[in-house]
Every structure is written in structure tokens, then in C-alpha cells.
Protein backbone atom coordinates (compact mmCIF):
# COMPACT_ATOMS: atom_id res chain seq x y z
CA MET A 1 41.38 54.35 69.68
CA THR A 2 41.92 56.50 72.78
CA ALA A 3 44.08 58.98 70.86
CA LEU A 4 41.36 59.31 68.21
CA HIS A 5 38.73 59.76 70.81
CA VAL A 6 40.48 62.50 72.78
CA ALA A 7 41.91 64.45 69.87
CA LYS A 8 40.12 67.78 69.12
CA ASN A 9 41.00 67.46 65.42
CA LEU A 10 43.10 65.29 63.08
CA GLU A 11 46.05 67.68 63.20
CA GLU A 12 46.67 66.62 66.78
CA LEU A 13 47.27 63.05 65.57
CA ARG A 14 49.44 63.76 62.50
CA ASN A 15 52.76 63.20 64.30
CA GLN A 16 51.63 60.87 66.93
CA PRO A 17 52.59 57.15 66.97
CA GLY A 18 50.47 55.12 64.62
CA ASN A 19 51.38 56.68 61.27
CA TRP A 20 48.17 58.66 60.83
CA HIS A 21 47.91 59.38 57.08
CA GLU A 22 45.57 60.23 54.30
CA LEU A 23 44.84 57.50 51.71
CA THR A 24 45.02 58.01 47.99
CA GLY A 25 43.61 56.49 44.80
CA ASN A 26 40.28 54.65 45.25
CA ARG A 27 40.44 55.52 49.00
CA LYS A 28 40.96 59.25 48.63
CA GLY A 29 38.88 60.95 51.37
CA GLN A 30 39.72 58.24 53.84
CA TRP A 31 42.49 58.16 56.53
CA ALA A 32 44.32 55.30 58.15
CA CYS A 33 46.45 54.61 61.15
CA ASP A 34 48.48 51.48 61.95
CA LEU A 35 47.20 48.80 64.27
CA ASP A 36 48.88 45.41 64.58
CA GLN A 37 50.69 45.00 61.25
CA PRO A 38 49.44 44.56 58.60
CA TYR A 39 46.07 45.95 59.77
CA ARG A 40 44.89 49.52 59.59
CA LEU A 41 42.04 51.34 61.18
CA ILE A 42 40.26 53.19 58.28
CA PHE A 43 38.10 56.20 58.92
CA THR A 44 36.63 59.23 57.15
CA PRO A 45 35.77 62.70 58.30
CA THR A 46 32.13 63.50 59.02
CA GLU A 47 32.43 66.95 57.59
CA ARG A 48 30.85 67.22 54.19
CA PRO A 49 32.53 68.39 52.10
CA ILE A 50 35.86 67.52 53.60
CA PRO A 51 37.64 70.85 54.28
CA GLU A 52 40.25 71.68 51.64
CA ASN A 53 42.53 74.59 50.98
CA ALA A 54 42.82 76.50 47.66
CA ALA A 55 45.40 73.86 46.51
CA GLY A 56 42.97 71.03 47.06
CA ARG A 57 44.84 69.64 50.15
CA TYR A 58 42.77 68.52 53.15
CA ILE A 59 42.84 70.86 56.14
CA TRP A 60 43.49 68.38 59.08
CA ILE A 61 42.84 70.96 61.80
CA GLU A 62 39.31 71.60 60.54
CA ILE A 63 38.44 67.89 60.68
CA THR A 64 36.89 67.45 64.14
CA ALA A 65 34.96 64.21 63.89
CA VAL A 66 35.33 60.89 62.11
CA GLU A 67 33.47 57.80 61.32
CA ILE A 68 35.29 54.48 61.53
CA ILE A 69 34.86 52.55 58.33
CA GLU A 70 36.75 49.30 58.89
CA ILE A 71 39.86 47.44 60.09
CA THR A 72 41.65 45.92 57.08
CA ASN A 73 44.88 45.05 55.40
CA TYR A 74 44.30 47.32 52.39
CA HIS A 75 47.62 46.37 50.81
CA LYS A 76 46.16 42.92 50.08
CA GLU A 77 43.12 44.27 48.21
CA GLY A 78 42.76 42.91 44.64
């Protein structure tokens, strides 16, 4: 949580411990980082629309604020 709080943008977290990553499928537009396995912190950027490049990839450096959605084990979702 401290790393998320002090980061100026998501790019600063990309290679930090915690496996910060974009989600896909029905969770596209959300990000996650590892907590105590198997739990993940799930969050979404507050920017609307989420910044994308011409190829449709999210621009992590332009995401400067997030909203925490939940803590969950999304691999167990049915």
C-alpha cells in the first residue's frame, strides 16, 4: 500500500516487488498486485478514459491516481 501511495504513476510500480500487472478478460481496465497468496489488491485508474496509445495499450506513466476496488482471490471466481 505504501508503494502505491508514494508512486507518481503506475510506471514506477511496474518492476517493483508485488507483480503489478494489468488484468484481462472481464477484468480488463483493472490492475492487480500480489498480497499474501492467493490474494490480490485490485484497483482501477481514476482517469477516464484510461490513457491508451495508438495500439490500444494502456500508458502506465499517464495513470497518476487509482481507486482500490477489492482484495480477492480472482483465480477462484466461478
